[in-house]
Amino acid sequence: MRDSIVIKLENITLRVRDTFLLPNTNWQIDKGQHWAILGPNGAGKTSLVKALTGEVPVVRGRIYSPHELTQASRAAYVSFIFNQPNCLMGEHAMDQPIVIIGIGELGGVFAKAFLRSGYPVFPVTPRMNIKEAAENIADPQLVLVAVAEKDFGSIMPSIPAPWHNCICLLQNELLPRDWQSYHIEDPTVISVWFEKKKGMDYNVLIPSQVYGPGAKLIADALAGIDITCETLSTEDDLLHELVRKNVFVFTINIAGMVLPDGATTANLWARHNELALAVADEVIDVQQWLTGTSFDRKRLIDGLIEGINGDPQHKCKGRSAQGRLERVLDIADEAGLKIPRIRDIRARLML
């Protein structure tokens, strides 16, 4: 039946450099099935798997799914299991899967990293029932919540309690109170300093920072796809890194709203330095109120500069800029913070 199909290959032919492989191949993977691809060196095993993940082009035929899976979603159904001496299966082949909730662009990068490391990956897409998934995978290695910031509040209450002890979070604007409000006490948290846009390879600004029970797993997996990720030693280090990323994101987004379209972080810092510093200072005020912590402002500004230097051509104003401006102002109103420069930016935008 159509509903049983996960992925279907219809008369495909692959091309690797000047060589055509697996001409007119047909293959159907149904729900509940697990396949292993065996064959001698050069037979096309790796190329076939890479075609499923979108890394090798299909020059004839098509790869089809009735569920309209994205390339990243298809990738999450496929594991690379490499041969080892006296052992057919890879190092992590018998491990419990890593669950990824939200297979978008960023989730797809993590899926690729885990799969390259040999971990089985189980994707949870918006059409799937998380409760049913948890019944099938009661004890996963890790549950990576890779949904966008705007979806965080709606997805977190639906995550079953058995998964709470292996949660990993990666959203921007994240602070400890965000996971503590869902009774999650010891998550793995990564401050992501790379971006992935549709149709483009990922772009690393500076090393990402990760803390928690799954920190080594995350750092090792990302290293396998050439993304540097450093593990942190303490919760205080994590809090600093989260606030540093928030200062970077809020500052460039909000200050960028009054700059010409396409303005870069290098342009902001070189030509509008006073504006950037004023906005950053007020963002720090907001972060201190949210966390109840006093931060080393110079250290945070140094971290902002490091992020800017990591990719000077990074665009300041993204799609989330307006929402971030409104959120900062709402928090400031609640806290009784003046933040005059940010309020002036909104006033200018309303003219």
C-alpha atoms as a PDB file:
ATOM      1  CA  MET A   1       0.000   0.000   0.000  1.00  0.00           C
ATOM      2  CA  ARG A   2       1.079   3.601  -0.675  1.00  0.00           C
ATOM      3  CA  ASP A   3       1.020   4.512   3.030  1.00  0.00           C
ATOM      4  CA  SER A   4       3.528   1.764   3.818  1.00  0.00           C
ATOM      5  CA  ILE A   5       6.231   3.240   1.579  1.00  0.00           C
ATOM      6  CA  VAL A   6       9.013   5.229   3.226  1.00  0.00           C
ATOM      7  CA  ILE A   7      11.286   5.698   0.181  1.00  0.00           C
ATOM      8  CA  LYS A   8      11.009   4.307  -3.343  1.00  0.00           C
ATOM      9  CA  LEU A   9      13.674   4.311  -6.059  1.00  0.00           C
ATOM     10  CA  GLU A  10      12.233   4.172  -9.565  1.00  0.00           C
ATOM     11  CA  ASN A  11      14.604   3.255 -12.432  1.00  0.00           C
ATOM     12  CA  ILE A  12      17.430   5.367 -11.051  1.00  0.00           C
ATOM     13  CA  THR A  13      20.922   5.734 -12.489  1.00  0.00           C
ATOM     14  CA  LEU A  14      23.659   7.472 -10.526  1.00  0.00           C
ATOM     15  CA  ARG A  15      26.660   9.444 -11.682  1.00  0.00           C
ATOM     16  CA  VAL A  16      29.942   9.772  -9.788  1.00  0.00           C
ATOM     17  CA  ARG A  17      32.340  11.979 -11.734  1.00  0.00           C
ATOM     18  CA  ASP A  18      32.395  10.424 -15.232  1.00  0.00           C
ATOM     19  CA  THR A  19      31.042   7.023 -14.194  1.00  0.00           C
ATOM     20  CA  PHE A  20      27.400   5.909 -14.336  1.00  0.00           C
ATOM     21  CA  LEU A  21      26.412   3.469 -11.579  1.00  0.00           C
ATOM     22  CA  LEU A  22      23.506   1.127 -10.836  1.00  0.00           C
ATOM     23  CA  PRO A  23      21.620   1.702 -14.113  1.00  0.00           C
ATOM     24  CA  ASN A  24      17.817   1.346 -13.922  1.00  0.00           C
ATOM     25  CA  THR A  25      17.795   0.343 -10.255  1.00  0.00           C
ATOM     26  CA  ASN A  26      14.452  -0.123  -8.479  1.00  0.00           C
ATOM     27  CA  TRP A  27      14.100  -0.442  -4.716  1.00  0.00           C
ATOM     28  CA  GLN A  28      11.311   0.139  -2.209  1.00  0.00           C
ATOM     29  CA  ILE A  29      11.709   0.583   1.551  1.00  0.00           C
ATOM     30  CA  ASP A  30       8.524   0.089   3.560  1.00  0.00           C
ATOM     31  CA  LYS A  31       7.724   1.078   7.119  1.00  0.00           C
ATOM     32  CA  GLY A  32       9.231  -1.282   9.667  1.00  0.00           C
ATOM     33  CA  GLN A  33      11.838  -2.646   7.260  1.00  0.00           C
ATOM     34  CA  HIS A  34      15.584  -2.575   7.888  1.00  0.00           C
ATOM     35  CA  TRP A  35      17.930  -3.170   4.969  1.00  0.00           C
ATOM     36  CA  ALA A  36      21.660  -3.852   4.791  1.00  0.00           C
ATOM     37  CA  ILE A  37      23.494  -3.228   1.515  1.00  0.00           C
ATOM     38  CA  LEU A  38      26.263  -5.764   0.911  1.00  0.00           C
ATOM     39  CA  GLY A  39      28.690  -6.152  -1.987  1.00  0.00           C
ATOM     40  CA  PRO A  40      32.323  -5.981  -3.040  1.00  0.00           C
ATOM     41  CA  ASN A  41      34.355  -2.791  -3.200  1.00  0.00           C
ATOM     42  CA  GLY A  42      33.280  -0.610  -6.116  1.00  0.00           C
ATOM     43  CA  ALA A  43      29.845  -2.155  -6.446  1.00  0.00           C
ATOM     44  CA  GLY A  44      28.123   1.156  -5.651  1.00  0.00           C
ATOM     45  CA  LYS A  45      26.994   0.574  -2.052  1.00  0.00           C
ATOM     46  CA  THR A  46      28.172   3.913  -0.717  1.00  0.00           C
ATOM     47  CA  SER A  47      26.972   5.778  -3.795  1.00  0.00           C
ATOM     48  CA  LEU A  48      23.493   4.297  -3.420  1.00  0.00           C
ATOM     49  CA  VAL A  49      23.306   5.335   0.216  1.00  0.00           C
ATOM     50  CA  LYS A  50      24.619   8.803  -0.635  1.00  0.00           C
ATOM     51  CA  ALA A  51      21.936   9.122  -3.300  1.00  0.00           C
ATOM     52  CA  LEU A  52      19.344   8.620  -0.561  1.00  0.00           C
ATOM     53  CA  THR A  53      20.970  11.380   1.490  1.00  0.00           C
ATOM     54  CA  GLY A  54      21.241  13.689  -1.527  1.00  0.00           C
ATOM     55  CA  GLU A  55      25.042  13.633  -1.758  1.00  0.00           C
ATOM     56  CA  VAL A  56      25.202  11.836  -5.133  1.00  0.00           C
ATOM     57  CA  PRO A  57      23.049  13.061  -8.041  1.00  0.00           C
ATOM     58  CA  VAL A  58      20.395  10.880  -9.648  1.00  0.00           C
ATOM     59  CA  VAL A  59      20.725  11.450 -13.413  1.00  0.00           C
ATOM     60  CA  ARG A  60      17.832   9.202 -14.446  1.00  0.00           C
ATOM     61  CA  GLY A  61      14.683   8.073 -12.655  1.00  0.00           C
ATOM     62  CA  ARG A  62      13.627   9.446  -9.309  1.00  0.00           C
ATOM     63  CA  ILE A  63      13.730   8.923  -5.556  1.00  0.00           C
ATOM     64  CA  TYR A  64      10.171   9.185  -4.328  1.00  0.00           C
ATOM     65  CA  SER A  65       8.355   9.326  -0.999  1.00  0.00           C
ATOM     66  CA  PRO A  66       4.581   9.686  -0.610  1.00  0.00           C
ATOM     67  CA  HIS A  67       5.278  11.617   2.605  1.00  0.00           C
ATOM     68  CA  GLU A  68       7.167  14.385   0.762  1.00  0.00           C
ATOM     69  CA  LEU A  69      10.305  13.905   2.840  1.00  0.00           C
ATOM     70  CA  THR A  70      12.938  16.611   2.534  1.00  0.00           C
ATOM     71  CA  GLN A  71      16.481  15.648   1.633  1.00  0.00           C
ATOM     72  CA  ALA A  72      17.422  16.044   5.295  1.00  0.00           C
ATOM     73  CA  SER A  73      14.535  13.798   6.350  1.00  0.00           C
ATOM     74  CA  ARG A  74      15.636  11.079   3.904  1.00  0.00           C
ATOM     75  CA  ALA A  75      19.157  11.330   5.286  1.00  0.00           C
ATOM     76  CA  ALA A  76      17.910  10.603   8.785  1.00  0.00           C
ATOM     77  CA  TYR A  77      16.544   7.226   7.707  1.00  0.00           C
ATOM     78  CA  VAL A  78      19.940   6.023   6.511  1.00  0.00           C
ATOM     79  CA  SER A  79      22.921   4.861   8.567  1.00  0.00           C
ATOM     80  CA  PHE A  80      26.462   4.308   7.310  1.00  0.00           C
ATOM     81  CA  ILE A  81      27.803   1.102   8.875  1.00  0.00           C
ATOM     82  CA  PHE A  82      31.440   0.594   7.979  1.00  0.00           C
ATOM     83  CA  ASN A  83      33.202  -2.767   7.932  1.00  0.00           C
ATOM     84  CA  GLN A  84      35.757  -3.413  10.640  1.00  0.00           C
ATOM     85  CA  PRO A  85      38.120  -6.369  11.151  1.00  0.00           C
ATOM     86  CA  ASN A  86      36.167  -9.454  12.251  1.00  0.00           C
ATOM     87  CA  CYS A  87      33.025  -7.370  12.539  1.00  0.00           C
ATOM     88  CA  LEU A  88      30.404  -6.560   9.925  1.00  0.00           C
ATOM     89  CA  MET A  89      28.690  -3.861  11.973  1.00  0.00           C
ATOM     90  CA  GLY A  90      30.136  -0.469  12.906  1.00  0.00           C
ATOM     91  CA  GLU A  91      31.088   0.638  16.386  1.00  0.00           C
ATOM     92  CA  HIS A  92      27.673   2.135  17.202  1.00  0.00           C
ATOM     93  CA  ALA A  93      25.441  -0.055  15.043  1.00  0.00           C
ATOM     94  CA  MET A  94      23.792  -1.809  17.980  1.00  0.00           C
ATOM     95  CA  ASP A  95      23.381   1.364  20.040  1.00  0.00           C
ATOM     96  CA  GLN A  96      19.984   2.830  20.756  1.00  0.00           C
ATOM     97  CA  PRO A  97      19.047   5.404  18.116  1.00  0.00           C
ATOM     98  CA  ILE A  98      19.520   9.118  18.350  1.00  0.00           C
ATOM     99  CA  VAL A  99      16.122  10.785  17.989  1.00  0.00           C
ATOM    100  CA  ILE A 100      15.977  14.094  16.125  1.00  0.00           C
ATOM    101  CA  ILE A 101      12.812  16.133  16.554  1.00  0.00           C
ATOM    102  CA  GLY A 102      12.626  18.518  13.611  1.00  0.00           C
ATOM    103  CA  ILE A 103      14.595  17.574  10.507  1.00  0.00           C
ATOM    104  CA  GLY A 104      15.097  21.007   8.990  1.00  0.00           C
ATOM    105  CA  GLU A 105      18.336  22.450   7.662  1.00  0.00           C
ATOM    106  CA  LEU A 106      20.109  22.453  11.029  1.00  0.00           C
ATOM    107  CA  GLY A 107      18.660  19.110  12.099  1.00  0.00           C
ATOM    108  CA  GLY A 108      19.894  17.673   8.809  1.00  0.00           C
ATOM    109  CA  VAL A 109      23.470  18.714   9.604  1.00  0.00           C
ATOM    110  CA  PHE A 110      23.310  16.901  12.941  1.00  0.00           C
ATOM    111  CA  ALA A 111      21.721  13.855  11.288  1.00  0.00           C
ATOM    112  CA  LYS A 112      24.609  13.742   8.829  1.00  0.00           C
ATOM    113  CA  ALA A 113      27.123  14.020  11.682  1.00  0.00           C
ATOM    114  CA  PHE A 114      25.544  11.202  13.700  1.00  0.00           C
ATOM    115  CA  LEU A 115      25.186   8.944  10.680  1.00  0.00           C
ATOM    116  CA  ARG A 116      28.782   9.490   9.630  1.00  0.00           C
ATOM    117  CA  SER A 117      29.765   8.436  13.149  1.00  0.00           C
ATOM    118  CA  GLY A 118      27.769   5.230  12.736  1.00  0.00           C
ATOM    119  CA  TYR A 119      24.859   6.025  15.048  1.00  0.00           C
ATOM    120  CA  PRO A 120      21.371   4.967  13.993  1.00  0.00           C
ATOM    121  CA  VAL A 121      19.081   8.004  13.702  1.00  0.00           C
ATOM    122  CA  PHE A 122      15.320   8.160  14.144  1.00  0.00           C
ATOM    123  CA  PRO A 123      13.672  11.340  12.818  1.00  0.00           C
ATOM    124  CA  VAL A 124      10.477  12.759  14.283  1.00  0.00           C
ATOM    125  CA  THR A 125       8.753  14.947  11.706  1.00  0.00           C
ATOM    126  CA  PRO A 126       5.743  17.242  12.253  1.00  0.00           C
ATOM    127  CA  ARG A 127       3.364  14.587  10.901  1.00  0.00           C
ATOM    128  CA  MET A 128       4.507  11.971  13.399  1.00  0.00           C
ATOM    129  CA  ASN A 129       3.116  11.256  16.852  1.00  0.00           C
ATOM    130  CA  ILE A 130       5.866  11.812  19.443  1.00  0.00           C
ATOM    131  CA  LYS A 131       4.117   9.640  22.025  1.00  0.00           C
ATOM    132  CA  GLU A 132       4.030   6.693  19.621  1.00  0.00           C
ATOM    133  CA  ALA A 133       7.675   7.265  18.727  1.00  0.00           C
ATOM    134  CA  ALA A 134       8.604   7.159  22.412  1.00  0.00           C
ATOM    135  CA  GLU A 135       6.812   3.833  22.797  1.00  0.00           C
ATOM    136  CA  ASN A 136       8.949   2.382  20.008  1.00  0.00           C
ATOM    137  CA  ILE A 137      12.194   3.940  21.263  1.00  0.00           C
ATOM    138  CA  ALA A 138      11.942   4.009  25.026  1.00  0.00           C
ATOM    139  CA  ASP A 139      15.642   4.511  25.776  1.00  0.00           C
ATOM    140  CA  PRO A 140      17.356   6.561  23.038  1.00  0.00           C
ATOM    141  CA  GLN A 141      21.001   7.628  23.150  1.00  0.00           C
ATOM    142  CA  LEU A 142      19.976  11.237  22.744  1.00  0.00           C
ATOM    143  CA  VAL A 143      16.876  13.248  21.853  1.00  0.00           C
ATOM    144  CA  LEU A 144      17.944  16.292  19.863  1.00  0.00           C
ATOM    145  CA  VAL A 145      15.250  18.978  19.781  1.00  0.00           C
ATOM    146  CA  ALA A 146      16.115  20.740  16.515  1.00  0.00           C
ATOM    147  CA  VAL A 147      12.938  22.751  15.984  1.00  0.00           C
ATOM    148  CA  ALA A 148      13.084  26.510  15.374  1.00  0.00           C
ATOM    149  CA  GLU A 149      12.848  28.951  18.270  1.00  0.00           C
ATOM    150  CA  LYS A 150       9.254  29.819  17.353  1.00  0.00           C
ATOM    151  CA  ASP A 151       8.219  26.153  17.708  1.00  0.00           C
ATOM    152  CA  PHE A 152      10.105  25.451  20.941  1.00  0.00           C
ATOM    153  CA  GLY A 153       7.240  26.333  23.284  1.00  0.00           C
ATOM    154  CA  SER A 154       4.743  24.153  21.434  1.00  0.00           C
ATOM    155  CA  ILE A 155       6.954  21.074  21.047  1.00  0.00           C
ATOM    156  CA  MET A 156       8.507  20.857  24.524  1.00  0.00           C
ATOM    157  CA  PRO A 157       5.292  19.956  26.436  1.00  0.00           C
ATOM    158  CA  SER A 158       4.724  17.044  24.043  1.00  0.00           C
ATOM    159  CA  ILE A 159       8.071  15.369  24.727  1.00  0.00           C
ATOM    160  CA  PRO A 160       7.415  12.265  26.885  1.00  0.00           C
ATOM    161  CA  ALA A 161       8.941  12.126  30.353  1.00  0.00           C
ATOM    162  CA  PRO A 162      11.098   9.017  29.580  1.00  0.00           C
ATOM    163  CA  TRP A 163      13.024  11.139  27.083  1.00  0.00           C
ATOM    164  CA  HIS A 164      13.707  14.012  29.492  1.00  0.00           C
ATOM    165  CA  ASN A 165      16.970  12.557  30.815  1.00  0.00           C
ATOM    166  CA  CYS A 166      18.570  12.509  27.345  1.00  0.00           C
ATOM    167  CA  ILE A 167      17.349  15.798  25.874  1.00  0.00           C
ATOM    168  CA  CYS A 168      19.711  17.956  23.807  1.00  0.00           C
ATOM    169  CA  LEU A 169      18.782  21.573  22.997  1.00  0.00           C
ATOM    170  CA  LEU A 170      20.302  23.923  20.423  1.00  0.00           C
ATOM    171  CA  GLN A 171      17.954  26.897  19.962  1.00  0.00           C
ATOM    172  CA  ASN A 172      19.051  30.524  19.900  1.00  0.00           C
ATOM    173  CA  GLU A 173      17.787  32.696  22.788  1.00  0.00           C
ATOM    174  CA  LEU A 174      18.001  29.675  25.094  1.00  0.00           C
ATOM    175  CA  LEU A 175      18.540  30.127  28.846  1.00  0.00           C
ATOM    176  CA  PRO A 176      18.310  27.657  31.782  1.00  0.00           C
ATOM    177  CA  ARG A 177      14.825  28.831  32.746  1.00  0.00           C
ATOM    178  CA  ASP A 178      13.589  27.686  29.332  1.00  0.00           C
ATOM    179  CA  TRP A 179      14.279  23.997  30.013  1.00  0.00           C
ATOM    180  CA  GLN A 180      13.704  24.148  33.755  1.00  0.00           C
ATOM    181  CA  SER A 181      10.114  25.255  33.147  1.00  0.00           C
ATOM    182  CA  TYR A 182       9.527  21.812  31.575  1.00  0.00           C
ATOM    183  CA  HIS A 183      11.118  19.997  34.564  1.00  0.00           C
ATOM    184  CA  ILE A 184      14.224  19.072  32.572  1.00  0.00           C
ATOM    185  CA  GLU A 185      17.122  19.208  34.995  1.00  0.00           C
ATOM    186  CA  ASP A 186      20.254  18.048  33.178  1.00  0.00           C
ATOM    187  CA  PRO A 187      20.015  18.470  29.391  1.00  0.00           C
ATOM    188  CA  THR A 188      22.828  18.534  26.919  1.00  0.00           C
ATOM    189  CA  VAL A 189      22.926  22.062  25.492  1.00  0.00           C
ATOM    190  CA  ILE A 190      24.886  23.301  22.504  1.00  0.00           C
ATOM    191  CA  SER A 191      25.483  26.915  21.591  1.00  0.00           C
ATOM    192  CA  VAL A 192      25.564  26.574  17.805  1.00  0.00           C
ATOM    193  CA  TRP A 193      27.957  28.826  15.904  1.00  0.00           C
ATOM    194  CA  PHE A 194      27.369  27.457  12.417  1.00  0.00           C
ATOM    195  CA  GLU A 195      24.498  28.108  10.056  1.00  0.00           C
ATOM    196  CA  LYS A 196      22.882  26.070   7.315  1.00  0.00           C
ATOM    197  CA  LYS A 197      20.750  27.639   4.623  1.00  0.00           C
ATOM    198  CA  LYS A 198      18.764  25.781   2.001  1.00  0.00           C
ATOM    199  CA  GLY A 199      20.821  24.768  -1.007  1.00  0.00           C
ATOM    200  CA  MET A 200      24.102  25.785   0.622  1.00  0.00           C
ATOM    201  CA  ASP A 201      26.753  24.034   2.656  1.00  0.00           C
ATOM    202  CA  TYR A 202      27.009  24.826   6.353  1.00  0.00           C
ATOM    203  CA  ASN A 203      29.049  27.870   7.352  1.00  0.00           C
ATOM    204  CA  VAL A 204      31.080  27.818  10.584  1.00  0.00           C
ATOM    205  CA  LEU A 205      31.645  31.174  12.295  1.00  0.00           C
ATOM    206  CA  ILE A 206      33.590  30.044  15.380  1.00  0.00           C
ATOM    207  CA  PRO A 207      33.687  26.808  17.411  1.00  0.00           C
ATOM    208  CA  SER A 208      30.336  25.777  18.875  1.00  0.00           C
ATOM    209  CA  GLN A 209      30.167  25.102  22.623  1.00  0.00           C
ATOM    210  CA  VAL A 210      28.450  22.125  24.269  1.00  0.00           C
ATOM    211  CA  TYR A 211      27.799  21.040  27.847  1.00  0.00           C
ATOM    212  CA  GLY A 212      25.984  18.142  29.472  1.00  0.00           C
ATOM    213  CA  PRO A 213      25.804  14.335  29.497  1.00  0.00           C
ATOM    214  CA  GLY A 214      25.891  14.043  25.693  1.00  0.00           C
ATOM    215  CA  ALA A 215      28.577  16.683  25.126  1.00  0.00           C
ATOM    216  CA  LYS A 216      31.325  14.294  23.992  1.00  0.00           C
ATOM    217  CA  LEU A 217      28.975  12.441  21.656  1.00  0.00           C
ATOM    218  CA  ILE A 218      27.934  15.736  20.032  1.00  0.00           C
ATOM    219  CA  ALA A 219      31.478  17.127  19.774  1.00  0.00           C
ATOM    220  CA  ASP A 220      32.897  13.902  18.324  1.00  0.00           C
ATOM    221  CA  ALA A 221      30.091  13.576  15.770  1.00  0.00           C
ATOM    222  CA  LEU A 222      30.429  17.173  14.566  1.00  0.00           C
ATOM    223  CA  ALA A 223      34.202  16.768  14.319  1.00  0.00           C
ATOM    224  CA  GLY A 224      33.518  13.943  11.861  1.00  0.00           C
ATOM    225  CA  ILE A 225      32.044  16.456   9.407  1.00  0.00           C
ATOM    226  CA  ASP A 226      34.676  19.133  10.114  1.00  0.00           C
ATOM    227  CA  ILE A 227      32.630  21.288  12.482  1.00  0.00           C
ATOM    228  CA  THR A 228      34.624  22.266  15.557  1.00  0.00           C
ATOM    229  CA  CYS A 229      32.751  21.947  18.829  1.00  0.00           C
ATOM    230  CA  GLU A 230      34.325  22.472  22.248  1.00  0.00           C
ATOM    231  CA  THR A 231      33.053  20.841  25.433  1.00  0.00           C
ATOM    232  CA  LEU A 232      32.474  23.034  28.482  1.00  0.00           C
ATOM    233  CA  SER A 233      33.379  22.119  32.051  1.00  0.00           C
ATOM    234  CA  THR A 234      30.777  23.844  34.216  1.00  0.00           C
ATOM    235  CA  GLU A 235      27.217  25.146  34.218  1.00  0.00           C
ATOM    236  CA  ASP A 236      28.611  28.660  34.675  1.00  0.00           C
ATOM    237  CA  ASP A 237      30.596  28.239  31.460  1.00  0.00           C
ATOM    238  CA  LEU A 238      27.431  27.136  29.685  1.00  0.00           C
ATOM    239  CA  LEU A 239      25.463  30.132  30.957  1.00  0.00           C
ATOM    240  CA  HIS A 240      28.154  32.504  29.743  1.00  0.00           C
ATOM    241  CA  GLU A 241      28.182  30.879  26.294  1.00  0.00           C
ATOM    242  CA  LEU A 242      24.404  31.008  25.965  1.00  0.00           C
ATOM    243  CA  VAL A 243      24.351  34.687  26.932  1.00  0.00           C
ATOM    244  CA  ARG A 244      27.278  35.419  24.602  1.00  0.00           C
ATOM    245  CA  LYS A 245      25.374  33.924  21.671  1.00  0.00           C
ATOM    246  CA  ASN A 246      22.237  35.835  22.670  1.00  0.00           C
ATOM    247  CA  VAL A 247      24.186  39.101  22.795  1.00  0.00           C
ATOM    248  CA  PHE A 248      25.552  38.386  19.316  1.00  0.00           C
ATOM    249  CA  VAL A 249      22.216  37.424  17.765  1.00  0.00           C
ATOM    250  CA  PHE A 250      20.128  40.191  19.349  1.00  0.00           C
ATOM    251  CA  THR A 251      22.732  42.885  18.746  1.00  0.00           C
ATOM    252  CA  ILE A 252      23.328  42.251  15.048  1.00  0.00           C
ATOM    253  CA  ASN A 253      19.607  41.661  14.356  1.00  0.00           C
ATOM    254  CA  ILE A 254      18.275  44.711  16.205  1.00  0.00           C
ATOM    255  CA  ALA A 255      21.032  47.133  15.198  1.00  0.00           C
ATOM    256  CA  GLY A 256      20.808  45.820  11.636  1.00  0.00           C
ATOM    257  CA  MET A 257      17.178  46.869  11.384  1.00  0.00           C
ATOM    258  CA  VAL A 258      18.197  50.515  10.946  1.00  0.00           C
ATOM    259  CA  LEU A 259      21.031  49.766   8.524  1.00  0.00           C
ATOM    260  CA  PRO A 260      20.673  49.377   4.738  1.00  0.00           C
ATOM    261  CA  ASP A 261      19.438  46.009   3.505  1.00  0.00           C
ATOM    262  CA  GLY A 262      22.288  43.550   3.158  1.00  0.00           C
ATOM    263  CA  ALA A 263      24.469  45.251   5.782  1.00  0.00           C
ATOM    264  CA  THR A 264      27.084  42.871   7.188  1.00  0.00           C
ATOM    265  CA  THR A 265      28.443  42.441  10.682  1.00  0.00           C
ATOM    266  CA  ALA A 266      31.762  43.885   9.520  1.00  0.00           C
ATOM    267  CA  ASN A 267      29.932  46.980   8.283  1.00  0.00           C
ATOM    268  CA  LEU A 268      28.020  47.268  11.562  1.00  0.00           C
ATOM    269  CA  TRP A 269      31.158  47.071  13.669  1.00  0.00           C
ATOM    270  CA  ALA A 270      33.371  49.279  11.495  1.00  0.00           C
ATOM    271  CA  ARG A 271      30.917  52.045  10.575  1.00  0.00           C
ATOM    272  CA  HIS A 272      28.273  51.891  13.310  1.00  0.00           C
ATOM    273  CA  ASN A 273      30.357  50.849  16.287  1.00  0.00           C
ATOM    274  CA  GLU A 274      28.648  53.166  18.769  1.00  0.00           C
ATOM    275  CA  LEU A 275      25.226  51.813  17.755  1.00  0.00           C
ATOM    276  CA  ALA A 276      26.389  48.195  18.103  1.00  0.00           C
ATOM    277  CA  LEU A 277      27.912  48.791  21.538  1.00  0.00           C
ATOM    278  CA  ALA A 278      24.831  50.642  22.813  1.00  0.00           C
ATOM    279  CA  VAL A 279      22.464  47.878  21.666  1.00  0.00           C
ATOM    280  CA  ALA A 280      24.768  45.161  23.057  1.00  0.00           C
ATOM    281  CA  ASP A 281      24.934  46.909  26.431  1.00  0.00           C
ATOM    282  CA  GLU A 282      21.133  47.006  26.658  1.00  0.00           C
ATOM    283  CA  VAL A 283      20.840  43.373  25.542  1.00  0.00           C
ATOM    284  CA  ILE A 284      23.213  42.451  28.388  1.00  0.00           C
ATOM    285  CA  ASP A 285      20.916  44.335  30.795  1.00  0.00           C
ATOM    286  CA  VAL A 286      18.014  42.163  29.628  1.00  0.00           C
ATOM    287  CA  GLN A 287      20.041  38.948  29.868  1.00  0.00           C
ATOM    288  CA  GLN A 288      21.137  39.811  33.411  1.00  0.00           C
ATOM    289  CA  TRP A 289      17.533  40.340  34.466  1.00  0.00           C
ATOM    290  CA  LEU A 290      16.412  37.069  32.857  1.00  0.00           C
ATOM    291  CA  THR A 291      19.150  35.038  34.549  1.00  0.00           C
ATOM    292  CA  GLY A 292      19.518  36.937  37.825  1.00  0.00           C
ATOM    293  CA  THR A 293      23.252  36.990  37.142  1.00  0.00           C
ATOM    294  CA  SER A 294      25.795  39.780  36.763  1.00  0.00           C
ATOM    295  CA  PHE A 295      28.082  39.170  33.785  1.00  0.00           C
ATOM    296  CA  ASP A 296      31.517  40.429  32.811  1.00  0.00           C
ATOM    297  CA  ARG A 297      30.443  42.912  30.130  1.00  0.00           C
ATOM    298  CA  LYS A 298      33.883  43.219  28.562  1.00  0.00           C
ATOM    299  CA  ARG A 299      34.108  39.451  28.193  1.00  0.00           C
ATOM    300  CA  LEU A 300      30.702  39.360  26.493  1.00  0.00           C
ATOM    301  CA  ILE A 301      31.652  42.198  24.138  1.00  0.00           C
ATOM    302  CA  ASP A 302      34.884  40.359  23.321  1.00  0.00           C
ATOM    303  CA  GLY A 303      32.735  37.322  22.516  1.00  0.00           C
ATOM    304  CA  LEU A 304      30.545  39.469  20.258  1.00  0.00           C
ATOM    305  CA  ILE A 305      33.646  40.693  18.407  1.00  0.00           C
ATOM    306  CA  GLU A 306      34.882  37.099  18.009  1.00  0.00           C
ATOM    307  CA  GLY A 307      31.572  36.154  16.399  1.00  0.00           C
ATOM    308  CA  ILE A 308      31.728  39.144  14.048  1.00  0.00           C
ATOM    309  CA  ASN A 309      35.303  38.331  13.033  1.00  0.00           C
ATOM    310  CA  GLY A 310      34.329  34.706  12.483  1.00  0.00           C
ATOM    311  CA  ASP A 311      32.281  35.711   9.440  1.00  0.00           C
ATOM    312  CA  PRO A 312      32.593  39.415   8.602  1.00  0.00           C
ATOM    313  CA  GLN A 313      30.212  39.008   5.643  1.00  0.00           C
ATOM    314  CA  HIS A 314      27.432  37.594   7.832  1.00  0.00           C
ATOM    315  CA  LYS A 315      24.204  39.527   7.212  1.00  0.00           C
ATOM    316  CA  CYS A 316      22.936  41.472  10.211  1.00  0.00           C
ATOM    317  CA  LYS A 317      19.199  41.400   9.648  1.00  0.00           C
ATOM    318  CA  GLY A 318      17.472  38.048   9.275  1.00  0.00           C
ATOM    319  CA  ARG A 319      13.837  36.968   9.168  1.00  0.00           C
ATOM    320  CA  SER A 320      13.739  36.711  12.968  1.00  0.00           C
ATOM    321  CA  ALA A 321      14.930  40.277  13.616  1.00  0.00           C
ATOM    322  CA  GLN A 322      11.498  41.853  14.080  1.00  0.00           C
ATOM    323  CA  GLY A 323      10.387  39.117  16.463  1.00  0.00           C
ATOM    324  CA  ARG A 324      13.566  39.479  18.506  1.00  0.00           C
ATOM    325  CA  LEU A 325      13.089  43.224  18.767  1.00  0.00           C
ATOM    326  CA  GLU A 326       9.558  42.757  20.083  1.00  0.00           C
ATOM    327  CA  ARG A 327      10.619  40.055  22.551  1.00  0.00           C
ATOM    328  CA  VAL A 328      13.391  42.220  24.014  1.00  0.00           C
ATOM    329  CA  LEU A 329      10.979  45.113  24.449  1.00  0.00           C
ATOM    330  CA  ASP A 330       8.351  42.886  26.091  1.00  0.00           C
ATOM    331  CA  ILE A 331      10.924  41.573  28.579  1.00  0.00           C
ATOM    332  CA  ALA A 332      12.210  45.072  29.261  1.00  0.00           C
ATOM    333  CA  ASP A 333       8.662  46.282  29.982  1.00  0.00           C
ATOM    334  CA  GLU A 334       8.146  43.391  32.399  1.00  0.00           C
ATOM    335  CA  ALA A 335      11.463  44.080  34.117  1.00  0.00           C
ATOM    336  CA  GLY A 336      11.122  47.859  34.180  1.00  0.00           C
ATOM    337  CA  LEU A 337      14.278  48.317  32.078  1.00  0.00           C
ATOM    338  CA  LYS A 338      14.613  51.538  30.091  1.00  0.00           C
ATOM    339  CA  ILE A 339      16.806  50.302  27.169  1.00  0.00           C
ATOM    340  CA  PRO A 340      16.475  53.687  25.411  1.00  0.00           C
ATOM    341  CA  ARG A 341      18.556  52.859  22.330  1.00  0.00           C
ATOM    342  CA  ILE A 342      16.508  49.796  21.448  1.00  0.00           C
ATOM    343  CA  ARG A 343      13.271  51.707  22.044  1.00  0.00           C
ATOM    344  CA  ASP A 344      14.571  54.440  19.733  1.00  0.00           C
ATOM    345  CA  ILE A 345      15.176  51.830  17.015  1.00  0.00           C
ATOM    346  CA  ARG A 346      11.572  50.681  17.196  1.00  0.00           C
ATOM    347  CA  ALA A 347      10.357  54.297  17.117  1.00  0.00           C
ATOM    348  CA  ARG A 348      12.426  54.934  13.979  1.00  0.00           C
ATOM    349  CA  LEU A 349      10.993  51.849  12.306  1.00  0.00           C
ATOM    350  CA  MET A 350       7.454  52.989  13.025  1.00  0.00           C
ATOM    351  CA  LEU A 351       7.894  56.373  11.281  1.00  0.00           C
END
